[in-house]
Amino acid sequence: MFRVWYAKQCSGFCGTGQMITRWDKDASALCPNCGCYETADHLNRCANKIRTGPLGDSIENLLEWMRDHQTHPDTLWLPRYLAAQGNSLFVDLLASPLWGQDVPEAMRQVGNSLEIE
């Protein structure tokens, strides 16, 4: 099921206002929570409290799962990056006290790939 969701999210062909208006001309392309044009990207970046609350809960669940399953410590940046909702660059996380001065080279490579638009 995750593969289906991921494919729809990455391609933009998910149940957003932008897509629904393609077959239902009476539907609205606007986000029902904030009124912005609703795209797949907007789903993860909507700043309305109705959406940020569940997002924060999901991020906390992810962090708990990561700790419970002893994921590699270098991946603990992920929940912080998700919580920024696209408003913070990964490079800003590299400068945080999370790693101190010794940022692993693999994390620098990840950061460089994430910042490409």
Protein backbone atom coordinates (compact mmCIF):
# COMPACT_ATOMS: atom_id res chain seq x y z
CA MET A 1 0.00 0.00 0.00
CA PHE A 2 2.89 2.35 0.75
CA ARG A 3 4.15 1.98 -2.83
CA VAL A 4 0.79 3.11 -4.21
CA TRP A 5 0.68 6.12 -1.88
CA TYR A 6 4.32 6.99 -2.64
CA ALA A 7 3.79 6.78 -6.40
CA LYS A 8 0.72 9.01 -6.20
CA GLN A 9 2.40 11.51 -3.89
CA CYS A 10 5.58 11.77 -5.97
CA SER A 11 3.76 12.04 -9.28
CA GLY A 12 1.21 14.53 -7.96
CA PHE A 13 -1.70 12.29 -9.00
CA CYS A 14 -3.29 12.05 -5.57
CA GLY A 15 -6.59 13.29 -4.17
CA THR A 16 -5.76 16.99 -4.11
CA GLY A 17 -7.90 19.86 -5.29
CA GLN A 18 -5.59 20.25 -8.28
CA MET A 19 -6.28 16.69 -9.46
CA ILE A 20 -9.95 16.46 -8.49
CA THR A 21 -10.80 19.50 -10.65
CA ARG A 22 -9.46 17.62 -13.67
CA TRP A 23 -12.55 15.38 -13.69
CA ASP A 24 -14.99 17.36 -11.54
CA LYS A 25 -15.27 20.91 -12.86
CA ASP A 26 -17.51 21.88 -9.92
CA ALA A 27 -14.90 20.88 -7.33
CA SER A 28 -12.56 23.42 -5.79
CA ALA A 29 -8.81 23.32 -6.35
CA LEU A 30 -8.29 25.12 -3.04
CA CYS A 31 -7.17 23.55 0.21
CA PRO A 32 -10.21 23.12 2.47
CA ASN A 33 -8.08 24.10 5.48
CA CYS A 34 -6.22 27.22 4.38
CA GLY A 35 -7.60 28.22 0.98
CA CYS A 36 -4.31 27.90 -0.94
CA TYR A 37 -4.08 26.05 -4.24
CA GLU A 38 -3.90 22.39 -3.16
CA THR A 39 -1.14 20.31 -4.78
CA ALA A 40 0.67 17.19 -3.59
CA ASP A 41 3.45 19.38 -2.19
CA HIS A 42 0.90 21.50 -0.35
CA LEU A 43 -0.38 18.45 1.55
CA ASN A 44 2.94 18.27 3.41
CA ARG A 45 3.44 22.00 3.74
CA CYS A 46 0.03 23.38 4.70
CA ALA A 47 0.54 25.56 7.77
CA ASN A 48 -3.06 25.33 8.98
CA LYS A 49 -3.33 23.94 12.53
CA ILE A 50 -5.82 21.32 11.38
CA ARG A 51 -3.01 19.75 9.33
CA THR A 52 0.05 20.60 11.41
CA GLY A 53 -1.35 18.84 14.49
CA PRO A 54 -1.64 15.40 12.84
CA LEU A 55 1.69 15.97 11.06
CA GLY A 56 3.39 16.65 14.39
CA ASP A 57 1.81 13.52 15.87
CA SER A 58 3.03 11.45 12.91
CA ILE A 59 6.54 12.86 13.22
CA GLU A 60 6.59 12.00 16.93
CA ASN A 61 5.43 8.47 16.10
CA LEU A 62 8.19 8.17 13.51
CA LEU A 63 10.84 9.38 15.96
CA GLU A 64 9.61 6.93 18.60
CA TRP A 65 9.67 4.10 16.07
CA MET A 66 13.20 5.07 14.98
CA ARG A 67 14.42 4.99 18.57
CA ASP A 68 12.59 1.75 19.40
CA HIS A 69 14.13 0.04 16.38
CA GLN A 70 17.59 1.51 17.00
CA THR A 71 17.93 3.11 13.60
CA HIS A 72 21.28 4.60 12.73
CA PRO A 73 21.88 7.81 14.72
CA ASP A 74 22.69 9.73 11.53
CA THR A 75 19.06 9.39 10.46
CA LEU A 76 17.65 11.25 13.47
CA TRP A 77 17.72 14.43 11.38
CA LEU A 78 14.72 13.15 9.40
CA PRO A 79 11.94 14.06 11.88
CA ARG A 80 13.39 17.57 12.28
CA TYR A 81 13.60 18.00 8.52
CA LEU A 82 9.98 16.83 8.08
CA ALA A 83 8.77 19.15 10.84
CA ALA A 84 10.24 22.13 8.96
CA GLN A 85 7.71 21.45 6.14
CA GLY A 86 10.07 22.72 3.47
CA ASN A 87 10.79 25.98 5.32
CA SER A 88 14.31 25.00 6.39
CA LEU A 89 17.22 23.73 4.36
CA PHE A 90 18.92 20.50 5.29
CA VAL A 91 22.20 22.39 5.49
CA ASP A 92 20.71 24.34 8.41
CA LEU A 93 20.24 21.05 10.27
CA LEU A 94 23.89 20.19 9.67
CA ALA A 95 24.87 23.31 11.60
CA SER A 96 22.76 22.25 14.60
CA PRO A 97 24.16 20.75 17.82
CA LEU A 98 22.72 17.40 16.72
CA TRP A 99 26.11 16.45 15.25
CA GLY A 100 28.42 19.10 16.63
CA GLN A 101 31.43 19.67 14.39
CA ASP A 102 31.72 16.16 12.93
CA VAL A 103 28.99 15.82 10.34
CA PRO A 104 29.30 12.45 8.58
CA GLU A 105 30.16 12.69 4.88
CA ALA A 106 27.13 10.53 4.02
CA MET A 107 24.85 13.13 5.62
CA ARG A 108 26.48 15.91 3.60
CA GLN A 109 25.74 13.93 0.43
CA VAL A 110 22.13 13.43 1.53
CA GLY A 111 21.82 17.15 2.21
CA ASN A 112 23.20 18.08 -1.19
CA SER A 113 20.71 15.78 -2.92
CA LEU A 114 17.75 17.16 -0.93
CA GLU A 115 18.44 20.80 -1.74
CA ILE A 116 18.23 20.29 -5.50
CA GLU A 117 14.96 21.72 -6.81
